[in-house]
PDB file of N, CA and C in Angstrom:
ATOM      1  N   UNK A   1       0.945  -1.238  -0.192  1.00  0.00           N
ATOM      2  CA  UNK A   1       0.010  -0.194   0.005  1.00  0.00           C
ATOM      3  C   UNK A   1       0.835   1.405  -0.084  1.00  0.00           C
ATOM      4  N   UNK A   2       0.629   2.356  -0.798  1.00  0.00           N
ATOM      5  CA  UNK A   2       1.220   3.375  -0.734  1.00  0.00           C
ATOM      6  C   UNK A   2       1.257   4.311   0.280  1.00  0.00           C
ATOM      7  N   UNK A   3       2.356   5.000   0.900  1.00  0.00           N
ATOM      8  CA  UNK A   3       2.022   5.665   1.860  1.00  0.00           C
ATOM      9  C   UNK A   3       1.012   6.893   2.023  1.00  0.00           C
ATOM     10  N   UNK A   4       0.759   7.480   1.002  1.00  0.00           N
ATOM     11  CA  UNK A   4      -0.101   8.477   0.749  1.00  0.00           C
ATOM     12  C   UNK A   4      -1.384   7.702   0.926  1.00  0.00           C
ATOM     13  N   UNK A   5      -1.725   6.741   0.345  1.00  0.00           N
ATOM     14  CA  UNK A   5      -3.062   6.018   0.651  1.00  0.00           C
ATOM     15  C   UNK A   5      -3.384   5.731   1.895  1.00  0.00           C
ATOM     16  N   UNK A   6      -2.356   4.881   2.532  1.00  0.00           N
ATOM     17  CA  UNK A   6      -2.540   4.614   3.924  1.00  0.00           C
ATOM     18  C   UNK A   6      -2.599   5.661   4.921  1.00  0.00           C
ATOM     19  N   UNK A   7      -1.954   6.805   4.775  1.00  0.00           N
ATOM     20  CA  UNK A   7      -2.225   8.069   5.652  1.00  0.00           C
ATOM     21  C   UNK A   7      -3.629   8.722   5.262  1.00  0.00           C
ATOM     22  N   UNK A   8      -4.264   8.487   4.117  1.00  0.00           N
ATOM     23  CA  UNK A   8      -5.606   8.774   3.753  1.00  0.00           C
ATOM     24  C   UNK A   8      -6.641   8.137   4.994  1.00  0.00           C
ATOM     25  N   UNK A   9      -6.247   6.523   4.687  1.00  0.00           N
ATOM     26  CA  UNK A   9      -6.989   5.824   5.285  1.00  0.00           C
ATOM     27  C   UNK A   9      -7.043   5.847   7.121  1.00  0.00           C
ATOM     28  N   UNK A  10      -5.688   6.008   7.414  1.00  0.00           N
ATOM     29  CA  UNK A  10      -5.557   6.534   8.749  1.00  0.00           C
ATOM     30  C   UNK A  10      -6.210   7.548   9.254  1.00  0.00           C
ATOM     31  N   UNK A  11      -6.137   8.860   8.580  1.00  0.00           N
ATOM     32  CA  UNK A  11      -6.875   9.876   8.831  1.00  0.00           C
ATOM     33  C   UNK A  11      -8.337   9.730   8.981  1.00  0.00           C
ATOM     34  N   UNK A  12      -8.839   9.131   7.847  1.00  0.00           N
ATOM     35  CA  UNK A  12     -10.084   8.721   7.640  1.00  0.00           C
ATOM     36  C   UNK A  12     -10.702   7.806   8.993  1.00  0.00           C
ATOM     37  N   UNK A  13      -9.848   6.820   9.568  1.00  0.00           N
ATOM     38  CA  UNK A  13     -10.305   6.252  10.685  1.00  0.00           C
ATOM     39  C   UNK A  13     -10.442   6.918  11.632  1.00  0.00           C
ATOM     40  N   UNK A  14      -9.324   7.744  11.717  1.00  0.00           N
ATOM     41  CA  UNK A  14      -9.442   8.655  13.133  1.00  0.00           C
ATOM     42  C   UNK A  14     -10.552   9.597  12.955  1.00  0.00           C
ATOM     43  N   UNK A  15     -10.972  10.166  12.000  1.00  0.00           N
ATOM     44  CA  UNK A  15     -11.985  11.001  11.953  1.00  0.00           C
ATOM     45  C   UNK A  15     -13.400  10.137  12.436  1.00  0.00           C
ATOM     46  N   UNK A  16     -13.464   9.047  12.000  1.00  0.00           N
ATOM     47  CA  UNK A  16     -14.527   8.071  12.276  1.00  0.00           C
ATOM     48  C   UNK A  16     -14.481   7.765  13.893  1.00  0.00           C
ATOM     49  N   UNK A  17     -13.534   7.727  14.631  1.00  0.00           N
ATOM     50  CA  UNK A  17     -13.219   7.350  15.734  1.00  0.00           C
ATOM     51  C   UNK A  17     -13.722   8.815  16.771  1.00  0.00           C
ATOM     52  N   UNK A  18     -13.129   9.855  16.390  1.00  0.00           N
ATOM     53  CA  UNK A  18     -13.745  11.099  16.967  1.00  0.00           C
ATOM     54  C   UNK A  18     -15.272  11.598  16.919  1.00  0.00           C
ATOM     55  N   UNK A  19     -15.726  10.974  15.458  1.00  0.00           N
ATOM     56  CA  UNK A  19     -17.220  11.063  15.260  1.00  0.00           C
ATOM     57  C   UNK A  19     -17.852  10.036  16.366  1.00  0.00           C
ATOM     58  N   UNK A  20     -17.502   8.895  16.527  1.00  0.00           N
ATOM     59  CA  UNK A  20     -18.227   7.777  17.241  1.00  0.00           C
ATOM     60  C   UNK A  20     -17.992   8.508  18.693  1.00  0.00           C
ATOM     61  N   UNK A  21     -17.064   8.960  19.253  1.00  0.00           N
ATOM     62  CA  UNK A  21     -17.086   9.599  20.683  1.00  0.00           C
ATOM     63  C   UNK A  21     -17.830  10.545  20.705  1.00  0.00           C
ATOM     64  N   UNK A  22     -18.131  11.539  19.607  1.00  0.00           N
ATOM     65  CA  UNK A  22     -19.060  12.797  19.717  1.00  0.00           C
ATOM     66  C   UNK A  22     -20.355  12.231  19.520  1.00  0.00           C
ATOM     67  N   UNK A  23     -20.927  11.061  18.796  1.00  0.00           N
ATOM     68  CA  UNK A  23     -22.110  10.451  18.908  1.00  0.00           C
ATOM     69  C   UNK A  23     -22.197   9.865  20.209  1.00  0.00           C
ATOM     70  N   UNK A  24     -21.460   9.424  20.896  1.00  0.00           N
ATOM     71  CA  UNK A  24     -21.643   8.513  22.247  1.00  0.00           C
ATOM     72  C   UNK A  24     -20.895   9.222  23.475  1.00  0.00           C
ATOM     73  N   UNK A  25     -21.403  10.255  23.840  1.00  0.00           N
ATOM     74  CA  UNK A  25     -20.887  11.256  24.970  1.00  0.00           C
ATOM     75  C   UNK A  25     -21.234  10.305  26.202  1.00  0.00           C
ATOM     76  N   UNK A  26     -22.030   9.515  26.103  1.00  0.00           N
ATOM     77  CA  UNK A  26     -22.251   8.544  27.303  1.00  0.00           C
ATOM     78  C   UNK A  26     -21.333   7.621  27.926  1.00  0.00           C
ATOM     79  N   UNK A  27     -20.304   7.510  26.940  1.00  0.00           N
ATOM     80  CA  UNK A  27     -19.212   6.771  27.376  1.00  0.00           C
ATOM     81  C   UNK A  27     -18.296   7.621  28.000  1.00  0.00           C
ATOM     82  N   UNK A  28     -17.869   7.219  29.297  1.00  0.00           N
ATOM     83  CA  UNK A  28     -16.986   8.205  30.177  1.00  0.00           C
ATOM     84  C   UNK A  28     -15.732   7.951  29.874  1.00  0.00           C
ATOM     85  N   UNK A  29     -14.992   8.859  30.220  1.00  0.00           N
ATOM     86  CA  UNK A  29     -13.539   8.980  30.130  1.00  0.00           C
ATOM     87  C   UNK A  29     -12.959   7.523  31.043  1.00  0.00           C
ATOM     88  N   UNK A  30     -13.426   7.581  32.037  1.00  0.00           N
ATOM     89  CA  UNK A  30     -13.107   6.310  33.138  1.00  0.00           C
ATOM     90  C   UNK A  30     -13.359   4.945  32.491  1.00  0.00           C
ATOM     91  N   UNK A  31     -14.514   4.848  31.514  1.00  0.00           N
ATOM     92  CA  UNK A  31     -14.811   3.813  31.040  1.00  0.00           C
ATOM     93  C   UNK A  31     -13.688   3.401  30.060  1.00  0.00           C
ATOM     94  N   UNK A  32     -13.393   4.408  29.167  1.00  0.00           N
ATOM     95  CA  UNK A  32     -12.175   4.198  28.261  1.00  0.00           C
ATOM     96  C   UNK A  32     -11.085   3.727  29.132  1.00  0.00           C
ATOM     97  N   UNK A  33     -10.737   4.257  30.302  1.00  0.00           N
ATOM     98  CA  UNK A  33      -9.475   3.929  30.832  1.00  0.00           C
ATOM     99  C   UNK A  33      -9.538   2.673  31.514  1.00  0.00           C
ATOM    100  N   UNK A  34     -10.684   2.260  31.689  1.00  0.00           N
ATOM    101  CA  UNK A  34     -10.437   0.756  32.871  1.00  0.00           C
ATOM    102  C   UNK A  34     -10.855  -0.253  31.301  1.00  0.00           C
ATOM    103  N   UNK A  35     -11.351  -0.032  30.271  1.00  0.00           N
ATOM    104  CA  UNK A  35     -11.395  -0.908  28.981  1.00  0.00           C
ATOM    105  C   UNK A  35     -10.103  -0.893  28.078  1.00  0.00           C
ATOM    106  N   UNK A  36      -9.485   0.389  28.038  1.00  0.00           N
ATOM    107  CA  UNK A  36      -8.284   0.336  26.710  1.00  0.00           C
ATOM    108  C   UNK A  36      -7.084   1.192  27.444  1.00  0.00           C
ATOM    109  N   UNK A  37      -7.325   1.590  28.496  1.00  0.00           N
ATOM    110  CA  UNK A  37      -6.039   2.395  29.198  1.00  0.00           C
ATOM    111  C   UNK A  37      -5.627   3.710  28.428  1.00  0.00           C
ATOM    112  N   UNK A  38      -6.624   4.077  27.984  1.00  0.00           N
ATOM    113  CA  UNK A  38      -6.768   5.942  27.123  1.00  0.00           C
ATOM    114  C   UNK A  38      -8.042   6.221  27.355  1.00  0.00           C
ATOM    115  N   UNK A  39      -8.106   7.625  27.274  1.00  0.00           N
ATOM    116  CA  UNK A  39      -9.455   8.303  27.241  1.00  0.00           C
ATOM    117  C   UNK A  39      -9.080   9.392  26.129  1.00  0.00           C
ATOM    118  N   UNK A  40     -10.394  10.208  26.242  1.00  0.00           N
ATOM    119  CA  UNK A  40     -10.488  11.322  24.966  1.00  0.00           C
ATOM    120  C   UNK A  40      -9.027  12.305  25.537  1.00  0.00           C
ATOM    121  N   UNK A  41      -8.751  12.655  26.643  1.00  0.00           N
ATOM    122  CA  UNK A  41      -7.844  13.344  27.305  1.00  0.00           C
ATOM    123  C   UNK A  41      -6.578  12.744  26.644  1.00  0.00           C
ATOM    124  N   UNK A  42      -5.976  11.512  26.652  1.00  0.00           N
ATOM    125  CA  UNK A  42      -4.885  11.010  26.158  1.00  0.00           C
ATOM    126  C   UNK A  42      -4.948  11.251  24.624  1.00  0.00           C
ATOM    127  N   UNK A  43      -5.949  11.202  23.961  1.00  0.00           N
ATOM    128  CA  UNK A  43      -6.242  11.503  22.379  1.00  0.00           C
ATOM    129  C   UNK A  43      -5.645  13.326  22.226  1.00  0.00           C
ATOM    130  N   UNK A  44      -5.919  13.580  23.001  1.00  0.00           N
ATOM    131  CA  UNK A  44      -5.938  15.182  23.017  1.00  0.00           C
ATOM    132  C   UNK A  44      -4.303  15.374  23.109  1.00  0.00           C
ATOM    133  N   UNK A  45      -3.855  14.731  24.076  1.00  0.00           N
ATOM    134  CA  UNK A  45      -2.123  14.921  24.438  1.00  0.00           C
ATOM    135  C   UNK A  45      -1.519  14.208  23.438  1.00  0.00           C
ATOM    136  N   UNK A  46      -2.049  13.197  22.635  1.00  0.00           N
ATOM    137  CA  UNK A  46      -1.408  12.973  21.442  1.00  0.00           C
ATOM    138  C   UNK A  46      -1.251  13.736  20.203  1.00  0.00           C
ATOM    139  N   UNK A  47      -2.426  14.044  20.058  1.00  0.00           N
ATOM    140  CA  UNK A  47      -3.061  15.130  19.040  1.00  0.00           C
ATOM    141  C   UNK A  47      -1.807  16.066  19.230  1.00  0.00           C
ATOM    142  N   UNK A  48      -1.904  16.902  20.444  1.00  0.00           N
ATOM    143  CA  UNK A  48      -0.925  18.007  20.679  1.00  0.00           C
ATOM    144  C   UNK A  48       0.479  17.636  20.276  1.00  0.00           C
ATOM    145  N   UNK A  49       1.187  16.349  20.510  1.00  0.00           N
ATOM    146  CA  UNK A  49       2.300  16.271  20.439  1.00  0.00           C
ATOM    147  C   UNK A  49       2.439  15.959  18.819  1.00  0.00           C
ATOM    148  N   UNK A  50       1.865  15.347  18.390  1.00  0.00           N
ATOM    149  CA  UNK A  50       1.779  15.214  16.895  1.00  0.00           C
ATOM    150  C   UNK A  50       1.947  16.474  16.022  1.00  0.00           C
ATOM    151  N   UNK A  51       1.077  17.444  16.641  1.00  0.00           N
ATOM    152  CA  UNK A  51       0.847  18.642  16.168  1.00  0.00           C
ATOM    153  C   UNK A  51       2.348  19.551  16.153  1.00  0.00           C
ATOM    154  N   UNK A  52       2.755  19.368  17.332  1.00  0.00           N
ATOM    155  CA  UNK A  52       4.056  20.004  17.742  1.00  0.00           C
ATOM    156  C   UNK A  52       5.177  19.447  16.930  1.00  0.00           C
ATOM    157  N   UNK A  53       5.061  17.886  16.646  1.00  0.00           N
ATOM    158  CA  UNK A  53       6.104  17.556  15.830  1.00  0.00           C
ATOM    159  C   UNK A  53       6.151  17.533  14.357  1.00  0.00           C
ATOM    160  N   UNK A  54       4.801  18.486  13.953  1.00  0.00           N
ATOM    161  CA  UNK A  54       4.723  18.908  12.675  1.00  0.00           C
ATOM    162  C   UNK A  54       4.779  20.169  12.468  1.00  0.00           C
ATOM    163  N   UNK A  55       5.269  20.889  13.562  1.00  0.00           N
ATOM    164  CA  UNK A  55       5.552  22.480  13.281  1.00  0.00           C
ATOM    165  C   UNK A  55       4.202  23.026  13.477  1.00  0.00           C
ATOM    166  N   UNK A  56       3.056  22.505  14.309  1.00  0.00           N
ATOM    167  CA  UNK A  56       1.993  23.439  14.542  1.00  0.00           C
ATOM    168  C   UNK A  56       1.965  23.841  15.895  1.00  0.00           C
ATOM    169  N   UNK A  57       1.580  25.029  15.957  1.00  0.00           N
ATOM    170  CA  UNK A  57       1.603  25.616  17.365  1.00  0.00           C
ATOM    171  C   UNK A  57       0.000  25.650  18.007  1.00  0.00           C
ATOM    172  N   UNK A  58      -0.332  24.659  18.699  1.00  0.00           N
ATOM    173  CA  UNK A  58      -1.629  24.759  19.571  1.00  0.00           C
ATOM    174  C   UNK A  58      -1.436  24.308  20.883  1.00  0.00           C
ATOM    175  N   UNK A  59      -2.158  24.572  21.665  1.00  0.00           N
ATOM    176  CA  UNK A  59      -2.077  24.215  23.205  1.00  0.00           C
ATOM    177  C   UNK A  59      -3.216  22.978  23.481  1.00  0.00           C
ATOM    178  N   UNK A  60      -2.861  22.553  24.809  1.00  0.00           N
ATOM    179  CA  UNK A  60      -3.470  21.499  25.295  1.00  0.00           C
ATOM    180  C   UNK A  60      -4.970  21.629  25.225  1.00  0.00           C
ATOM    181  N   UNK A  61      -5.641  22.779  25.481  1.00  0.00           N
ATOM    182  CA  UNK A  61      -7.250  23.117  25.445  1.00  0.00           C
ATOM    183  C   UNK A  61      -7.705  23.205  24.249  1.00  0.00           C
ATOM    184  N   UNK A  62      -6.902  23.731  23.171  1.00  0.00           N
ATOM    185  CA  UNK A  62      -7.064  23.757  21.874  1.00  0.00           C
ATOM    186  C   UNK A  62      -7.317  22.133  21.385  1.00  0.00           C
ATOM    187  N   UNK A  63      -6.269  21.433  21.706  1.00  0.00           N
ATOM    188  CA  UNK A  63      -6.199  20.226  21.348  1.00  0.00           C
ATOM    189  C   UNK A  63      -7.631  19.197  21.670  1.00  0.00           C
ATOM    190  N   UNK A  64      -7.849  19.350  23.247  1.00  0.00           N
ATOM    191  CA  UNK A  64      -9.022  18.657  23.683  1.00  0.00           C
ATOM    192  C   UNK A  64     -10.258  19.236  22.962  1.00  0.00           C
ATOM    193  N   UNK A  65     -10.366  20.580  22.497  1.00  0.00           N
ATOM    194  CA  UNK A  65     -11.501  20.786  21.661  1.00  0.00           C
ATOM    195  C   UNK A  65     -11.822  20.478  20.550  1.00  0.00           C
ATOM    196  N   UNK A  66     -10.433  20.250  19.886  1.00  0.00           N
ATOM    197  CA  UNK A  66     -10.638  19.415  18.845  1.00  0.00           C
ATOM    198  C   UNK A  66     -11.285  17.810  18.939  1.00  0.00           C
ATOM    199  N   UNK A  67     -10.917  17.075  19.943  1.00  0.00           N
ATOM    200  CA  UNK A  67     -10.924  15.932  20.262  1.00  0.00           C
ATOM    201  C   UNK A  67     -12.507  15.804  21.035  1.00  0.00           C
ATOM    202  N   UNK A  68     -12.842  16.716  21.509  1.00  0.00           N
ATOM    203  CA  UNK A  68     -14.281  16.713  22.390  1.00  0.00           C
ATOM    204  C   UNK A  68     -15.244  17.531  21.558  1.00  0.00           C
ATOM    205  N   UNK A  69     -14.953  18.112  20.546  1.00  0.00           N
ATOM    206  CA  UNK A  69     -15.836  19.021  19.434  1.00  0.00           C
ATOM    207  C   UNK A  69     -16.541  20.179  20.233  1.00  0.00           C
ATOM    208  N   UNK A  70     -15.729  20.296  21.510  1.00  0.00           N
ATOM    209  CA  UNK A  70     -16.500  21.808  22.365  1.00  0.00           C
ATOM    210  C   UNK A  70     -15.292  22.030  23.368  1.00  0.00           C
ATOM    211  N   UNK A  71     -15.253  23.038  23.776  1.00  0.00           N
ATOM    212  CA  UNK A  71     -14.469  23.068  25.084  1.00  0.00           C
ATOM    213  C   UNK A  71     -14.861  22.140  25.867  1.00  0.00           C
ATOM    214  N   UNK A  72     -13.552  21.634  26.543  1.00  0.00           N
ATOM    215  CA  UNK A  72     -13.700  20.712  27.726  1.00  0.00           C
ATOM    216  C   UNK A  72     -14.517  20.847  28.761  1.00  0.00           C
ATOM    217  N   UNK A  73     -14.401  22.070  29.266  1.00  0.00           N
ATOM    218  CA  UNK A  73     -15.294  22.434  30.388  1.00  0.00           C
ATOM    219  C   UNK A  73     -16.800  22.422  30.100  1.00  0.00           C
ATOM    220  N   UNK A  74     -17.172  22.665  28.673  1.00  0.00           N
ATOM    221  CA  UNK A  74     -18.487  22.487  28.688  1.00  0.00           C
ATOM    222  C   UNK A  74     -18.619  21.085  28.325  1.00  0.00           C
ATOM    223  N   UNK A  75     -17.992  20.247  27.677  1.00  0.00           N
ATOM    224  CA  UNK A  75     -18.180  18.994  27.558  1.00  0.00           C
ATOM    225  C   UNK A  75     -18.533  18.265  29.071  1.00  0.00           C
ATOM    226  N   UNK A  76     -17.599  18.672  29.864  1.00  0.00           N
ATOM    227  CA  UNK A  76     -17.569  18.091  31.443  1.00  0.00           C
ATOM    228  C   UNK A  76     -18.570  18.342  32.053  1.00  0.00           C
ATOM    229  N   UNK A  77     -19.545  19.618  31.878  1.00  0.00           N
ATOM    230  CA  UNK A  77     -20.432  20.182  32.706  1.00  0.00           C
ATOM    231  C   UNK A  77     -21.588  19.293  31.906  1.00  0.00           C
ATOM    232  N   UNK A  78     -21.418  19.030  30.566  1.00  0.00           N
ATOM    233  CA  UNK A  78     -22.762  18.456  29.927  1.00  0.00           C
ATOM    234  C   UNK A  78     -22.867  17.028  29.976  1.00  0.00           C
ATOM    235  N   UNK A  79     -21.747  16.386  29.976  1.00  0.00           N
ATOM    236  CA  UNK A  79     -21.904  14.898  29.909  1.00  0.00           C
ATOM    237  C   UNK A  79     -21.044  14.087  31.027  1.00  0.00           C
ATOM    238  N   UNK A  80     -20.082  14.562  31.721  1.00  0.00           N
ATOM    239  CA  UNK A  80     -19.157  13.926  32.756  1.00  0.00           C
ATOM    240  C   UNK A  80     -20.077  13.754  33.906  1.00  0.00           C
ATOM    241  N   UNK A  81     -19.967  12.258  34.337  1.00  0.00           N
ATOM    242  CA  UNK A  81     -20.756  11.779  35.388  1.00  0.00           C
ATOM    243  C   UNK A  81     -19.976  11.878  36.569  1.00  0.00           C
ATOM    244  N   UNK A  82     -20.582  11.817  37.810  1.00  0.00           N
ATOM    245  CA  UNK A  82     -19.683  11.540  39.130  1.00  0.00           C
ATOM    246  C   UNK A  82     -19.526  10.052  39.195  1.00  0.00           C
ATOM    247  N   UNK A  83     -18.214  10.169  39.574  1.00  0.00           N
ATOM    248  CA  UNK A  83     -17.656   8.825  39.747  1.00  0.00           C
ATOM    249  C   UNK A  83     -17.379   8.367  41.120  1.00  0.00           C
ATOM    250  N   UNK A  84     -17.630   7.348  41.506  1.00  0.00           N
ATOM    251  CA  UNK A  84     -17.006   6.922  42.625  1.00  0.00           C
ATOM    252  C   UNK A  84     -15.439   7.095  43.025  1.00  0.00           C
ATOM    253  N   UNK A  85     -15.412   7.381  44.422  1.00  0.00           N
ATOM    254  CA  UNK A  85     -13.945   7.511  44.926  1.00  0.00           C
ATOM    255  C   UNK A  85     -13.148   6.271  44.606  1.00  0.00           C
ATOM    256  N   UNK A  86     -13.738   5.173  45.017  1.00  0.00           N
ATOM    257  CA  UNK A  86     -13.190   3.800  44.618  1.00  0.00           C
ATOM    258  C   UNK A  86     -12.744   3.507  43.513  1.00  0.00           C
ATOM    259  N   UNK A  87     -13.668   3.904  42.277  1.00  0.00           N
ATOM    260  CA  UNK A  87     -13.375   4.072  41.095  1.00  0.00           C
ATOM    261  C   UNK A  87     -12.380   4.380  40.546  1.00  0.00           C
ATOM    262  N   UNK A  88     -12.365   5.795  40.872  1.00  0.00           N
ATOM    263  CA  UNK A  88     -11.339   6.629  40.328  1.00  0.00           C
ATOM    264  C   UNK A  88      -9.845   6.242  41.118  1.00  0.00           C
ATOM    265  N   UNK A  89      -9.906   5.865  42.306  1.00  0.00           N
ATOM    266  CA  UNK A  89      -8.606   5.231  43.112  1.00  0.00           C
ATOM    267  C   UNK A  89      -8.117   3.987  42.390  1.00  0.00           C
ATOM    268  N   UNK A  90      -8.874   3.162  41.967  1.00  0.00           N
ATOM    269  CA  UNK A  90      -8.311   1.909  41.393  1.00  0.00           C
ATOM    270  C   UNK A  90      -7.631   2.276  39.916  1.00  0.00           C
ATOM    271  N   UNK A  91      -7.722   3.485  39.272  1.00  0.00           N
ATOM    272  CA  UNK A  91      -7.248   3.838  38.209  1.00  0.00           C
ATOM    273  C   UNK A  91      -6.399   5.014  38.249  1.00  0.00           C
ATOM    274  N   UNK A  92      -6.035   5.164  39.294  1.00  0.00           N
ATOM    275  CA  UNK A  92      -5.088   6.529  39.569  1.00  0.00           C
ATOM    276  C   UNK A  92      -3.762   6.398  39.036  1.00  0.00           C
ATOM    277  N   UNK A  93      -3.316   5.168  39.369  1.00  0.00           N
ATOM    278  CA  UNK A  93      -2.017   5.080  38.920  1.00  0.00           C
ATOM    279  C   UNK A  93      -1.985   4.803  36.997  1.00  0.00           C
ATOM    280  N   UNK A  94      -2.983   4.547  36.333  1.00  0.00           N
ATOM    281  CA  UNK A  94      -2.981   4.574  35.154  1.00  0.00           C
ATOM    282  C   UNK A  94      -3.392   5.917  34.356  1.00  0.00           C
ATOM    283  N   UNK A  95      -3.878   6.644  35.105  1.00  0.00           N
ATOM    284  CA  UNK A  95      -4.496   8.001  34.462  1.00  0.00           C
ATOM    285  C   UNK A  95      -3.315   8.646  33.684  1.00  0.00           C
ATOM    286  N   UNK A  96      -3.477   8.823  32.521  1.00  0.00           N
ATOM    287  CA  UNK A  96      -2.806   9.653  31.465  1.00  0.00           C
ATOM    288  C   UNK A  96      -1.108   9.476  31.508  1.00  0.00           C
ATOM    289  N   UNK A  97      -0.614   8.467  31.719  1.00  0.00           N
ATOM    290  CA  UNK A  97       0.720   7.976  32.083  1.00  0.00           C
ATOM    291  C   UNK A  97       1.394   7.774  30.705  1.00  0.00           C
ATOM    292  N   UNK A  98       0.965   8.373  29.806  1.00  0.00           N
ATOM    293  CA  UNK A  98       1.471   8.143  28.298  1.00  0.00           C
ATOM    294  C   UNK A  98       1.646   9.258  27.446  1.00  0.00           C
TER     295      UNK A  98
END
């Protein structure tokens, strides 16, 4: 497969992943952390790192807005549910360590 085609496929796949997250805000970040070891915030950090690696100047809040499709604080107020302290503590060593 040619690199150009591969990059188009990867980009389209990433856009579909973001669309899936946008259409399913009921999936909490903690759910993603428990199941996959990453969440929307992790993707935001990866996006920021890759933007910087490619010479684009954005900040973490801008990266989160790209991933969440709205300012993070708005998404958090609208969709984030309260989680038990026990559930958070079980994952505290895994949170955003990549």
